[in-house]
């Protein structure tokens, strides 16, 4: 589902998104939760790790590829609790949200145009 979401991105975003690794893990680690100040693992469905395209410089040394991690159990819990969306739609939403960070968007930028949570 995550790869299908990436494949459906409009052409201007496809190349930038192609360089991001997508992983699925059962749960966020305690270290990730602590780093983000999140107490409940169910509150984190996805995470972008990397250097946003807007913050890169050709003078910088190469870094590890950026990564989007989806957390399966929190995603399934949210899907079941909501009961009003298809699982593929929820996964797509989280993937697009995390890829937006790769393109340099902040959570506030995303929230300004994304009415998913209303």
PDB file of N, CA and C in Angstrom:
ATOM      1  N   UNK A   1       0.819  -1.194   0.000  1.00  0.00           N
ATOM      2  CA  UNK A   1       0.000   0.000   0.000  1.00  0.00           C
ATOM      3  C   UNK A   1       0.866   1.263   0.000  1.00  0.00           C
ATOM      4  N   UNK A   2       1.969   1.217   0.745  1.00  0.00           N
ATOM      5  CA  UNK A   2       2.855   2.379   0.794  1.00  0.00           C
ATOM      6  C   UNK A   2       3.504   2.633  -0.563  1.00  0.00           C
ATOM      7  N   UNK A   3       3.927   1.572  -1.219  1.00  0.00           N
ATOM      8  CA  UNK A   3       4.540   1.732  -2.544  1.00  0.00           C
ATOM      9  C   UNK A   3       3.516   2.200  -3.568  1.00  0.00           C
ATOM     10  N   UNK A   4       2.282   1.749  -3.439  1.00  0.00           N
ATOM     11  CA  UNK A   4       1.221   2.217  -4.338  1.00  0.00           C
ATOM     12  C   UNK A   4       0.971   3.706  -4.127  1.00  0.00           C
ATOM     13  N   UNK A   5       1.026   4.155  -2.882  1.00  0.00           N
ATOM     14  CA  UNK A   5       0.844   5.577  -2.590  1.00  0.00           C
ATOM     15  C   UNK A   5       1.956   6.397  -3.232  1.00  0.00           C
ATOM     16  N   UNK A   6       3.187   5.914  -3.117  1.00  0.00           N
ATOM     17  CA  UNK A   6       4.304   6.637  -3.726  1.00  0.00           C
ATOM     18  C   UNK A   6       4.171   6.644  -5.248  1.00  0.00           C
ATOM     19  N   UNK A   7       3.783   5.519  -5.827  1.00  0.00           N
ATOM     20  CA  UNK A   7       3.651   5.424  -7.283  1.00  0.00           C
ATOM     21  C   UNK A   7       2.566   6.349  -7.823  1.00  0.00           C
ATOM     22  N   UNK A   8       1.600   6.705  -7.000  1.00  0.00           N
ATOM     23  CA  UNK A   8       0.497   7.559  -7.438  1.00  0.00           C
ATOM     24  C   UNK A   8       0.800   9.052  -7.305  1.00  0.00           C
ATOM     25  N   UNK A   9       1.978   9.406  -6.807  1.00  0.00           N
ATOM     26  CA  UNK A   9       2.308  10.823  -6.652  1.00  0.00           C
ATOM     27  C   UNK A   9       2.389  11.510  -8.011  1.00  0.00           C
ATOM     28  N   UNK A  10       2.014  12.781  -8.071  1.00  0.00           N
ATOM     29  CA  UNK A  10       2.144  13.528  -9.326  1.00  0.00           C
ATOM     30  C   UNK A  10       3.608  13.607  -9.778  1.00  0.00           C
ATOM     31  N   UNK A  11       3.812  13.715 -11.062  1.00  0.00           N
ATOM     32  CA  UNK A  11       5.154  13.709 -11.657  1.00  0.00           C
ATOM     33  C   UNK A  11       6.145  14.651 -10.972  1.00  0.00           C
ATOM     34  N   UNK A  12       5.760  15.876 -10.610  1.00  0.00           N
ATOM     35  CA  UNK A  12       6.764  16.763  -9.998  1.00  0.00           C
ATOM     36  C   UNK A  12       7.361  16.226  -8.693  1.00  0.00           C
ATOM     37  N   UNK A  13       6.667  15.314  -8.032  1.00  0.00           N
ATOM     38  CA  UNK A  13       7.145  14.791  -6.759  1.00  0.00           C
ATOM     39  C   UNK A  13       7.738  13.383  -6.873  1.00  0.00           C
ATOM     40  N   UNK A  14       7.499  12.722  -7.965  1.00  0.00           N
ATOM     41  CA  UNK A  14       7.892  11.316  -8.103  1.00  0.00           C
ATOM     42  C   UNK A  14       9.396  11.104  -7.964  1.00  0.00           C
ATOM     43  N   UNK A  15      10.194  11.917  -8.596  1.00  0.00           N
ATOM     44  CA  UNK A  15      11.645  11.720  -8.547  1.00  0.00           C
ATOM     45  C   UNK A  15      12.191  11.911  -7.141  1.00  0.00           C
ATOM     46  N   UNK A  16      11.777  12.964  -6.474  1.00  0.00           N
ATOM     47  CA  UNK A  16      12.237  13.200  -5.102  1.00  0.00           C
ATOM     48  C   UNK A  16      11.783  12.112  -4.152  1.00  0.00           C
ATOM     49  N   UNK A  17      10.573  11.623  -4.331  1.00  0.00           N
ATOM     50  CA  UNK A  17      10.042  10.575  -3.455  1.00  0.00           C
ATOM     51  C   UNK A  17      10.702   9.233  -3.724  1.00  0.00           C
ATOM     52  N   UNK A  18      11.185   9.027  -4.937  1.00  0.00           N
ATOM     53  CA  UNK A  18      11.786   7.737  -5.300  1.00  0.00           C
ATOM     54  C   UNK A  18      13.045   7.444  -4.501  1.00  0.00           C
ATOM     55  N   UNK A  19      13.729   8.468  -4.037  1.00  0.00           N
ATOM     56  CA  UNK A  19      14.981   8.254  -3.303  1.00  0.00           C
ATOM     57  C   UNK A  19      14.761   7.923  -1.826  1.00  0.00           C
ATOM     58  N   UNK A  20      13.541   7.970  -1.357  1.00  0.00           N
ATOM     59  CA  UNK A  20      13.233   7.710   0.048  1.00  0.00           C
ATOM     60  C   UNK A  20      12.945   6.221   0.241  1.00  0.00           C
ATOM     61  N   UNK A  21      13.595   5.641   1.221  1.00  0.00           N
ATOM     62  CA  UNK A  21      13.307   4.251   1.572  1.00  0.00           C
ATOM     63  C   UNK A  21      12.032   4.215   2.405  1.00  0.00           C
ATOM     64  N   UNK A  22      11.219   3.218   2.174  1.00  0.00           N
ATOM     65  CA  UNK A  22      10.011   3.033   2.973  1.00  0.00           C
ATOM     66  C   UNK A  22      10.144   1.718   3.724  1.00  0.00           C
ATOM     67  N   UNK A  23       9.930   1.784   5.030  1.00  0.00           N
ATOM     68  CA  UNK A  23      10.011   0.605   5.883  1.00  0.00           C
ATOM     69  C   UNK A  23       8.731   0.501   6.705  1.00  0.00           C
ATOM     70  N   UNK A  24       8.425  -0.709   7.110  1.00  0.00           N
ATOM     71  CA  UNK A  24       7.284  -0.947   7.988  1.00  0.00           C
ATOM     72  C   UNK A  24       7.795  -1.692   9.213  1.00  0.00           C
ATOM     73  N   UNK A  25       7.482  -1.157  10.371  1.00  0.00           N
ATOM     74  CA  UNK A  25       7.827  -1.799  11.627  1.00  0.00           C
ATOM     75  C   UNK A  25       6.558  -1.968  12.442  1.00  0.00           C
ATOM     76  N   UNK A  26       6.574  -2.914  13.360  1.00  0.00           N
ATOM     77  CA  UNK A  26       5.401  -3.148  14.198  1.00  0.00           C
ATOM     78  C   UNK A  26       5.096  -1.935  15.067  1.00  0.00           C
ATOM     79  N   UNK A  27       6.095  -1.447  15.778  1.00  0.00           N
ATOM     80  CA  UNK A  27       5.945  -0.362  16.741  1.00  0.00           C
ATOM     81  C   UNK A  27       7.127   0.592  16.643  1.00  0.00           C
ATOM     82  N   UNK A  28       6.938   1.860  17.020  1.00  0.00           N
ATOM     83  CA  UNK A  28       8.099   2.740  17.177  1.00  0.00           C
ATOM     84  C   UNK A  28       8.902   2.287  18.395  1.00  0.00           C
ATOM     85  N   UNK A  29      10.194   2.437  18.317  1.00  0.00           N
ATOM     86  CA  UNK A  29      11.049   2.049  19.441  1.00  0.00           C
ATOM     87  C   UNK A  29      10.883   3.040  20.597  1.00  0.00           C
ATOM     88  N   UNK A  30      11.290   2.606  21.781  1.00  0.00           N
ATOM     89  CA  UNK A  30      11.256   3.502  22.941  1.00  0.00           C
ATOM     90  C   UNK A  30      12.140   4.716  22.695  1.00  0.00           C
ATOM     91  N   UNK A  31      13.268   4.501  22.013  1.00  0.00           N
ATOM     92  CA  UNK A  31      14.182   5.613  21.722  1.00  0.00           C
ATOM     93  C   UNK A  31      13.504   6.656  20.824  1.00  0.00           C
ATOM     94  N   UNK A  32      12.817   6.202  19.795  1.00  0.00           N
ATOM     95  CA  UNK A  32      12.109   7.128  18.896  1.00  0.00           C
ATOM     96  C   UNK A  32      11.041   7.887  19.674  1.00  0.00           C
ATOM     97  N   UNK A  33      10.272   7.176  20.464  1.00  0.00           N
ATOM     98  CA  UNK A  33       9.213   7.828  21.251  1.00  0.00           C
ATOM     99  C   UNK A  33       9.805   8.859  22.207  1.00  0.00           C
ATOM    100  N   UNK A  34      10.891   8.502  22.874  1.00  0.00           N
ATOM    101  CA  UNK A  34      11.543   9.429  23.795  1.00  0.00           C
ATOM    102  C   UNK A  34      12.070  10.656  23.059  1.00  0.00           C
ATOM    103  N   UNK A  35      12.729  10.436  21.906  1.00  0.00           N
ATOM    104  CA  UNK A  35      13.271  11.554  21.123  1.00  0.00           C
ATOM    105  C   UNK A  35      12.187  12.533  20.701  1.00  0.00           C
ATOM    106  N   UNK A  36      11.000  12.008  20.418  1.00  0.00           N
ATOM    107  CA  UNK A  36       9.893  12.850  19.953  1.00  0.00           C
ATOM    108  C   UNK A  36       9.000  13.342  21.090  1.00  0.00           C
ATOM    109  N   UNK A  37       9.259  12.880  22.300  1.00  0.00           N
ATOM    110  CA  UNK A  37       8.440  13.280  23.433  1.00  0.00           C
ATOM    111  C   UNK A  37       7.037  12.698  23.378  1.00  0.00           C
ATOM    112  N   UNK A  38       6.909  11.516  22.824  1.00  0.00           N
ATOM    113  CA  UNK A  38       5.611  10.854  22.692  1.00  0.00           C
ATOM    114  C   UNK A  38       5.530   9.745  23.728  1.00  0.00           C
ATOM    115  N   UNK A  39       4.480   9.759  24.530  1.00  0.00           N
ATOM    116  CA  UNK A  39       4.339   8.764  25.598  1.00  0.00           C
ATOM    117  C   UNK A  39       3.651   7.488  25.129  1.00  0.00           C
ATOM    118  N   UNK A  40       2.702   7.606  24.230  1.00  0.00           N
ATOM    119  CA  UNK A  40       1.901   6.457  23.807  1.00  0.00           C
ATOM    120  C   UNK A  40       2.286   6.047  22.390  1.00  0.00           C
ATOM    121  N   UNK A  41       2.772   4.814  22.233  1.00  0.00           N
ATOM    122  CA  UNK A  41       3.216   4.336  20.919  1.00  0.00           C
ATOM    123  C   UNK A  41       2.093   4.370  19.889  1.00  0.00           C
ATOM    124  N   UNK A  42       0.841   4.302  20.333  1.00  0.00           N
ATOM    125  CA  UNK A  42      -0.284   4.357  19.398  1.00  0.00           C
ATOM    126  C   UNK A  42      -0.418   5.737  18.739  1.00  0.00           C
ATOM    127  N   UNK A  43       0.263   6.744  19.287  1.00  0.00           N
ATOM    128  CA  UNK A  43       0.163   8.099  18.743  1.00  0.00           C
ATOM    129  C   UNK A  43       1.097   8.369  17.574  1.00  0.00           C
ATOM    130  N   UNK A  44       1.929   7.394  17.202  1.00  0.00           N
ATOM    131  CA  UNK A  44       2.869   7.593  16.096  1.00  0.00           C
ATOM    132  C   UNK A  44       2.630   6.544  15.025  1.00  0.00           C
ATOM    133  N   UNK A  45       2.093   6.983  13.900  1.00  0.00           N
ATOM    134  CA  UNK A  45       1.798   6.054  12.805  1.00  0.00           C
ATOM    135  C   UNK A  45       2.878   6.071  11.725  1.00  0.00           C
ATOM    136  N   UNK A  46       3.653   7.139  11.663  1.00  0.00           N
ATOM    137  CA  UNK A  46       4.704   7.239  10.659  1.00  0.00           C
ATOM    138  C   UNK A  46       5.750   8.244  11.070  1.00  0.00           C
ATOM    139  N   UNK A  47       6.945   8.116  10.476  1.00  0.00           N
ATOM    140  CA  UNK A  47       8.055   8.996  10.819  1.00  0.00           C
ATOM    141  C   UNK A  47       8.961   9.183   9.610  1.00  0.00           C
ATOM    142  N   UNK A  48       9.337  10.440   9.350  1.00  0.00           N
ATOM    143  CA  UNK A  48      10.328  10.753   8.323  1.00  0.00           C
ATOM    144  C   UNK A  48      11.660  10.978   9.012  1.00  0.00           C
ATOM    145  N   UNK A  49      12.702  10.336   8.516  1.00  0.00           N
ATOM    146  CA  UNK A  49      14.051  10.544   9.021  1.00  0.00           C
ATOM    147  C   UNK A  49      14.952  10.840   7.828  1.00  0.00           C
ATOM    148  N   UNK A  50      15.609  11.970   7.878  1.00  0.00           N
ATOM    149  CA  UNK A  50      16.505  12.340   6.798  1.00  0.00           C
ATOM    150  C   UNK A  50      16.678  13.844   6.738  1.00  0.00           C
ATOM    151  N   UNK A  51      17.331  14.278   5.699  1.00  0.00           N
ATOM    152  CA  UNK A  51      17.539  15.700   5.468  1.00  0.00           C
ATOM    153  C   UNK A  51      16.593  16.117   4.354  1.00  0.00           C
ATOM    154  N   UNK A  52      15.723  17.063   4.657  1.00  0.00           N
ATOM    155  CA  UNK A  52      14.756  17.533   3.667  1.00  0.00           C
ATOM    156  C   UNK A  52      15.474  18.106   2.447  1.00  0.00           C
ATOM    157  N   UNK A  53      14.851  17.971   1.299  1.00  0.00           N
ATOM    158  CA  UNK A  53      15.453  18.480   0.058  1.00  0.00           C
ATOM    159  C   UNK A  53      15.763  19.968   0.148  1.00  0.00           C
ATOM    160  N   UNK A  54      14.951  20.713   0.877  1.00  0.00           N
ATOM    161  CA  UNK A  54      15.148  22.162   1.000  1.00  0.00           C
ATOM    162  C   UNK A  54      16.338  22.517   1.886  1.00  0.00           C
ATOM    163  N   UNK A  55      16.876  21.544   2.604  1.00  0.00           N
ATOM    164  CA  UNK A  55      17.994  21.807   3.515  1.00  0.00           C
ATOM    165  C   UNK A  55      19.308  21.212   3.013  1.00  0.00           C
ATOM    166  N   UNK A  56      19.291  20.625   1.830  1.00  0.00           N
ATOM    167  CA  UNK A  56      20.496  19.992   1.297  1.00  0.00           C
ATOM    168  C   UNK A  56      21.335  20.990   0.502  1.00  0.00           C
ATOM    169  N   UNK A  57      22.625  20.701   0.469  1.00  0.00           N
ATOM    170  CA  UNK A  57      23.554  21.501  -0.315  1.00  0.00           C
ATOM    171  C   UNK A  57      24.473  20.563  -1.070  1.00  0.00           C
ATOM    172  N   UNK A  58      24.880  20.956  -2.253  1.00  0.00           N
ATOM    173  CA  UNK A  58      25.814  20.135  -3.016  1.00  0.00           C
ATOM    174  C   UNK A  58      27.162  20.057  -2.314  1.00  0.00           C
ATOM    175  N   UNK A  59      27.439  20.990  -1.410  1.00  0.00           N
ATOM    176  CA  UNK A  59      28.699  20.997  -0.673  1.00  0.00           C
ATOM    177  C   UNK A  59      28.686  20.021   0.501  1.00  0.00           C
ATOM    178  N   UNK A  60      27.514  19.536   0.871  1.00  0.00           N
ATOM    179  CA  UNK A  60      27.410  18.598   1.992  1.00  0.00           C
ATOM    180  C   UNK A  60      27.860  17.210   1.559  1.00  0.00           C
ATOM    181  N   UNK A  61      28.501  16.482   2.479  1.00  0.00           N
ATOM    182  CA  UNK A  61      28.871  15.099   2.144  1.00  0.00           C
ATOM    183  C   UNK A  61      27.609  14.249   2.021  1.00  0.00           C
ATOM    184  N   UNK A  62      27.684  13.184   1.242  1.00  0.00           N
ATOM    185  CA  UNK A  62      26.515  12.312   1.104  1.00  0.00           C
ATOM    186  C   UNK A  62      26.099  11.740   2.464  1.00  0.00           C
ATOM    187  N   UNK A  63      24.811  11.583   2.624  1.00  0.00           N
ATOM    188  CA  UNK A  63      24.278  10.999   3.857  1.00  0.00           C
ATOM    189  C   UNK A  63      23.522   9.722   3.500  1.00  0.00           C
ATOM    190  N   UNK A  64      23.086   9.033   4.524  1.00  0.00           N
ATOM    191  CA  UNK A  64      22.254   7.863   4.277  1.00  0.00           C
ATOM    192  C   UNK A  64      20.966   8.314   3.611  1.00  0.00           C
ATOM    193  N   UNK A  65      20.359   7.452   2.824  1.00  0.00           N
ATOM    194  CA  UNK A  65      19.087   7.829   2.191  1.00  0.00           C
ATOM    195  C   UNK A  65      18.028   8.166   3.244  1.00  0.00           C
ATOM    196  N   UNK A  66      17.168   9.080   2.892  1.00  0.00           N
ATOM    197  CA  UNK A  66      16.053   9.408   3.769  1.00  0.00           C
ATOM    198  C   UNK A  66      15.144   8.199   3.885  1.00  0.00           C
ATOM    199  N   UNK A  67      14.371   8.175   4.972  1.00  0.00           N
ATOM    200  CA  UNK A  67      13.547   6.993   5.241  1.00  0.00           C
ATOM    201  C   UNK A  67      12.209   7.416   5.832  1.00  0.00           C
ATOM    202  N   UNK A  68      11.169   6.767   5.366  1.00  0.00           N
ATOM    203  CA  UNK A  68       9.847   6.875   5.967  1.00  0.00           C
ATOM    204  C   UNK A  68       9.558   5.521   6.603  1.00  0.00           C
ATOM    205  N   UNK A  69       9.226   5.555   7.880  1.00  0.00           N
ATOM    206  CA  UNK A  69       8.856   4.331   8.575  1.00  0.00           C
ATOM    207  C   UNK A  69       7.377   4.418   8.927  1.00  0.00           C
ATOM    208  N   UNK A  70       6.663   3.374   8.569  1.00  0.00           N
ATOM    209  CA  UNK A  70       5.261   3.243   8.951  1.00  0.00           C
ATOM    210  C   UNK A  70       5.192   2.252  10.100  1.00  0.00           C
ATOM    211  N   UNK A  71       4.373   2.564  11.089  1.00  0.00           N
ATOM    212  CA  UNK A  71       4.228   1.698  12.248  1.00  0.00           C
ATOM    213  C   UNK A  71       2.891   0.969  12.148  1.00  0.00           C
ATOM    214  N   UNK A  72       2.999  -0.337  11.866  1.00  0.00           N
ATOM    215  CA  UNK A  72       1.851  -1.160  11.515  1.00  0.00           C
ATOM    216  C   UNK A  72       0.771  -1.198  12.593  1.00  0.00           C
ATOM    217  N   UNK A  73       1.134  -1.486  13.812  1.00  0.00           N
ATOM    218  CA  UNK A  73       0.119  -1.630  14.863  1.00  0.00           C
ATOM    219  C   UNK A  73      -0.614  -0.316  15.150  1.00  0.00           C
ATOM    220  N   UNK A  74       0.088   0.813  15.294  1.00  0.00           N
ATOM    221  CA  UNK A  74      -0.641   2.064  15.479  1.00  0.00           C
ATOM    222  C   UNK A  74      -1.543   2.411  14.283  1.00  0.00           C
ATOM    223  N   UNK A  75      -1.074   2.102  13.062  1.00  0.00           N
ATOM    224  CA  UNK A  75      -1.910   2.344  11.881  1.00  0.00           C
ATOM    225  C   UNK A  75      -3.170   1.483  11.913  1.00  0.00           C
ATOM    226  N   UNK A  76      -3.013   0.206  12.217  1.00  0.00           N
ATOM    227  CA  UNK A  76      -4.179  -0.674  12.266  1.00  0.00           C
ATOM    228  C   UNK A  76      -5.143  -0.255  13.372  1.00  0.00           C
ATOM    229  N   UNK A  77      -4.607   0.175  14.504  1.00  0.00           N
ATOM    230  CA  UNK A  77      -5.462   0.625  15.601  1.00  0.00           C
ATOM    231  C   UNK A  77      -6.251   1.867  15.205  1.00  0.00           C
ATOM    232  N   UNK A  78      -5.576   2.814  14.567  1.00  0.00           N
ATOM    233  CA  UNK A  78      -6.281   4.028  14.136  1.00  0.00           C
ATOM    234  C   UNK A  78      -7.347   3.694  13.100  1.00  0.00           C
ATOM    235  N   UNK A  79      -7.009   2.838  12.158  1.00  0.00           N
ATOM    236  CA  UNK A  79      -7.975   2.439  11.124  1.00  0.00           C
ATOM    237  C   UNK A  79      -9.214   1.814  11.756  1.00  0.00           C
ATOM    238  N   UNK A  80      -9.000   0.901  12.701  1.00  0.00           N
ATOM    239  CA  UNK A  80     -10.128   0.239  13.361  1.00  0.00           C
ATOM    240  C   UNK A  80     -10.944   1.229  14.188  1.00  0.00           C
ATOM    241  N   UNK A  81     -10.264   2.142  14.879  1.00  0.00           N
ATOM    242  CA  UNK A  81     -10.960   3.109  15.724  1.00  0.00           C
ATOM    243  C   UNK A  81     -11.770   4.104  14.896  1.00  0.00           C
ATOM    244  N   UNK A  82     -11.217   4.519  13.761  1.00  0.00           N
ATOM    245  CA  UNK A  82     -11.925   5.495  12.917  1.00  0.00           C
ATOM    246  C   UNK A  82     -13.164   4.864  12.292  1.00  0.00           C
ATOM    247  N   UNK A  83     -12.988   3.730  11.679  1.00  0.00           N
ATOM    248  CA  UNK A  83     -14.113   3.037  11.068  1.00  0.00           C
ATOM    249  C   UNK A  83     -14.739   3.727   9.881  1.00  0.00           C
ATOM    250  N   UNK A  84     -14.132   4.827   9.421  1.00  0.00           N
ATOM    251  CA  UNK A  84     -14.742   5.582   8.322  1.00  0.00           C
ATOM    252  C   UNK A  84     -13.826   5.764   7.117  1.00  0.00           C
ATOM    253  N   UNK A  85     -12.684   5.069   7.117  1.00  0.00           N
ATOM    254  CA  UNK A  85     -11.746   5.158   5.995  1.00  0.00           C
ATOM    255  C   UNK A  85     -11.243   3.765   5.638  1.00  0.00           C
ATOM    256  N   UNK A  86     -10.864   3.612   4.391  1.00  0.00           N
ATOM    257  CA  UNK A  86     -10.222   2.368   3.961  1.00  0.00           C
ATOM    258  C   UNK A  86      -8.780   2.366   4.469  1.00  0.00           C
ATOM    259  N   UNK A  87      -8.266   1.196   4.781  1.00  0.00           N
ATOM    260  CA  UNK A  87      -6.887   1.093   5.263  1.00  0.00           C
ATOM    261  C   UNK A  87      -5.910   1.677   4.248  1.00  0.00           C
ATOM    262  N   UNK A  88      -6.108   1.407   2.978  1.00  0.00           N
ATOM    263  CA  UNK A  88      -5.209   1.941   1.944  1.00  0.00           C
ATOM    264  C   UNK A  88      -5.222   3.467   1.933  1.00  0.00           C
ATOM    265  N   UNK A  89      -6.366   4.064   2.191  1.00  0.00           N
ATOM    266  CA  UNK A  89      -6.451   5.527   2.235  1.00  0.00           C
ATOM    267  C   UNK A  89      -5.681   6.087   3.429  1.00  0.00           C
ATOM    268  N   UNK A  90      -5.777   5.413   4.567  1.00  0.00           N
ATOM    269  CA  UNK A  90      -5.039   5.857   5.751  1.00  0.00           C
ATOM    270  C   UNK A  90      -3.538   5.719   5.513  1.00  0.00           C
ATOM    271  N   UNK A  91      -3.103   4.602   4.967  1.00  0.00           N
ATOM    272  CA  UNK A  91      -1.682   4.399   4.676  1.00  0.00           C
ATOM    273  C   UNK A  91      -1.204   5.461   3.686  1.00  0.00           C
ATOM    274  N   UNK A  92      -1.981   5.715   2.656  1.00  0.00           N
ATOM    275  CA  UNK A  92      -1.614   6.750   1.680  1.00  0.00           C
ATOM    276  C   UNK A  92      -1.469   8.098   2.358  1.00  0.00           C
ATOM    277  N   UNK A  93      -2.407   8.433   3.223  1.00  0.00           N
ATOM    278  CA  UNK A  93      -2.338   9.715   3.924  1.00  0.00           C
ATOM    279  C   UNK A  93      -1.041   9.830   4.726  1.00  0.00           C
ATOM    280  N   UNK A  94      -0.694   8.784   5.469  1.00  0.00           N
ATOM    281  CA  UNK A  94       0.514   8.831   6.299  1.00  0.00           C
ATOM    282  C   UNK A  94       1.764   8.896   5.423  1.00  0.00           C
ATOM    283  N   UNK A  95       1.808   8.125   4.349  1.00  0.00           N
ATOM    284  CA  UNK A  95       2.964   8.154   3.448  1.00  0.00           C
ATOM    285  C   UNK A  95       3.133   9.549   2.843  1.00  0.00           C
ATOM    286  N   UNK A  96       2.055  10.122   2.351  1.00  0.00           N
ATOM    287  CA  UNK A  96       2.132  11.459   1.743  1.00  0.00           C
ATOM    288  C   UNK A  96       2.559  12.491   2.781  1.00  0.00           C
ATOM    289  N   UNK A  97       2.021  12.396   3.988  1.00  0.00           N
ATOM    290  CA  UNK A  97       2.401  13.321   5.061  1.00  0.00           C
ATOM    291  C   UNK A  97       3.910  13.238   5.327  1.00  0.00           C
ATOM    292  N   UNK A  98       4.430  12.036   5.457  1.00  0.00           N
ATOM    293  CA  UNK A  98       5.857  11.867   5.749  1.00  0.00           C
ATOM    294  C   UNK A  98       6.724  12.287   4.564  1.00  0.00           C
ATOM    295  N   UNK A  99       6.292  11.998   3.355  1.00  0.00           N
ATOM    296  CA  UNK A  99       7.048  12.456   2.177  1.00  0.00           C
ATOM    297  C   UNK A  99       7.032  13.973   2.064  1.00  0.00           C
ATOM    298  N   UNK A 100       5.975  14.609   2.531  1.00  0.00           N
ATOM    299  CA  UNK A 100       5.931  16.085   2.523  1.00  0.00           C
ATOM    300  C   UNK A 100       7.078  16.645   3.368  1.00  0.00           C
ATOM    301  N   UNK A 101       7.418  15.974   4.459  1.00  0.00           N
ATOM    302  CA  UNK A 101       8.574  16.405   5.256  1.00  0.00           C
ATOM    303  C   UNK A 101       9.855  16.287   4.441  1.00  0.00           C
ATOM    304  N   UNK A 102       9.960  15.261   3.614  1.00  0.00           N
ATOM    305  CA  UNK A 102      11.119  15.102   2.736  1.00  0.00           C
ATOM    306  C   UNK A 102      11.252  16.293   1.790  1.00  0.00           C
ATOM    307  N   UNK A 103      10.126  16.830   1.368  1.00  0.00           N
ATOM    308  CA  UNK A 103      10.145  17.987   0.459  1.00  0.00           C
ATOM    309  C   UNK A 103      10.273  19.312   1.203  1.00  0.00           C
ATOM    310  N   UNK A 104      10.415  19.234   2.530  1.00  0.00           N
ATOM    311  CA  UNK A 104      10.681  20.442   3.309  1.00  0.00           C
ATOM    312  C   UNK A 104       9.474  21.076   3.962  1.00  0.00           C
ATOM    313  N   UNK A 105       8.356  20.411   3.950  1.00  0.00           N
ATOM    314  CA  UNK A 105       7.147  20.969   4.565  1.00  0.00           C
ATOM    315  C   UNK A 105       7.156  20.684   6.056  1.00  0.00           C
ATOM    316  N   UNK A 106       6.747  21.658   6.840  1.00  0.00           N
ATOM    317  CA  UNK A 106       6.602  21.459   8.278  1.00  0.00           C
ATOM    318  C   UNK A 106       5.220  20.870   8.571  1.00  0.00           C
ATOM    319  N   UNK A 107       5.010  20.443   9.806  1.00  0.00           N
ATOM    320  CA  UNK A 107       3.679  19.966  10.192  1.00  0.00           C
ATOM    321  C   UNK A 107       2.639  21.064  10.023  1.00  0.00           C
ATOM    322  N   UNK A 108       3.016  22.307  10.332  1.00  0.00           N
ATOM    323  CA  UNK A 108       2.081  23.432  10.151  1.00  0.00           C
ATOM    324  C   UNK A 108       1.753  23.650   8.680  1.00  0.00           C
ATOM    325  N   UNK A 109       2.758  23.536   7.800  1.00  0.00           N
ATOM    326  CA  UNK A 109       2.512  23.667   6.354  1.00  0.00           C
ATOM    327  C   UNK A 109       1.519  22.604   5.889  1.00  0.00           C
ATOM    328  N   UNK A 110       1.749  21.375   6.339  1.00  0.00           N
ATOM    329  CA  UNK A 110       0.889  20.268   5.927  1.00  0.00           C
ATOM    330  C   UNK A 110      -0.526  20.476   6.452  1.00  0.00           C
ATOM    331  N   UNK A 111      -0.641  20.865   7.715  1.00  0.00           N
ATOM    332  CA  UNK A 111      -1.958  21.066   8.334  1.00  0.00           C
ATOM    333  C   UNK A 111      -2.745  22.168   7.640  1.00  0.00           C
ATOM    334  N   UNK A 112      -2.045  23.152   7.069  1.00  0.00           N
ATOM    335  CA  UNK A 112      -2.732  24.265   6.405  1.00  0.00           C
ATOM    336  C   UNK A 112      -3.511  23.813   5.175  1.00  0.00           C
ATOM    337  N   UNK A 113      -3.077  22.714   4.554  1.00  0.00           N
ATOM    338  CA  UNK A 113      -3.795  22.255   3.355  1.00  0.00           C
ATOM    339  C   UNK A 113      -4.435  20.887   3.528  1.00  0.00           C
ATOM    340  N   UNK A 114      -4.115  20.205   4.607  1.00  0.00           N
ATOM    341  CA  UNK A 114      -4.591  18.842   4.818  1.00  0.00           C
ATOM    342  C   UNK A 114      -5.686  18.827   5.868  1.00  0.00           C
ATOM    343  N   UNK A 115      -6.902  18.559   5.460  1.00  0.00           N
ATOM    344  CA  UNK A 115      -8.039  18.567   6.369  1.00  0.00           C
ATOM    345  C   UNK A 115      -8.431  17.158   6.816  1.00  0.00           C
ATOM    346  N   UNK A 116      -7.511  16.208   6.674  1.00  0.00           N
ATOM    347  CA  UNK A 116      -7.785  14.803   6.987  1.00  0.00           C
ATOM    348  C   UNK A 116      -8.341  14.616   8.395  1.00  0.00           C
ATOM    349  N   UNK A 117      -7.772  15.333   9.364  1.00  0.00           N
ATOM    350  CA  UNK A 117      -8.077  15.061  10.773  1.00  0.00           C
ATOM    351  C   UNK A 117      -9.311  15.795  11.270  1.00  0.00           C
ATOM    352  N   UNK A 118      -9.917  16.608  10.447  1.00  0.00           N
ATOM    353  CA  UNK A 118     -11.118  17.350  10.898  1.00  0.00           C
ATOM    354  C   UNK A 118     -12.329  16.445  10.954  1.00  0.00           C
TER     355      UNK A 118
END
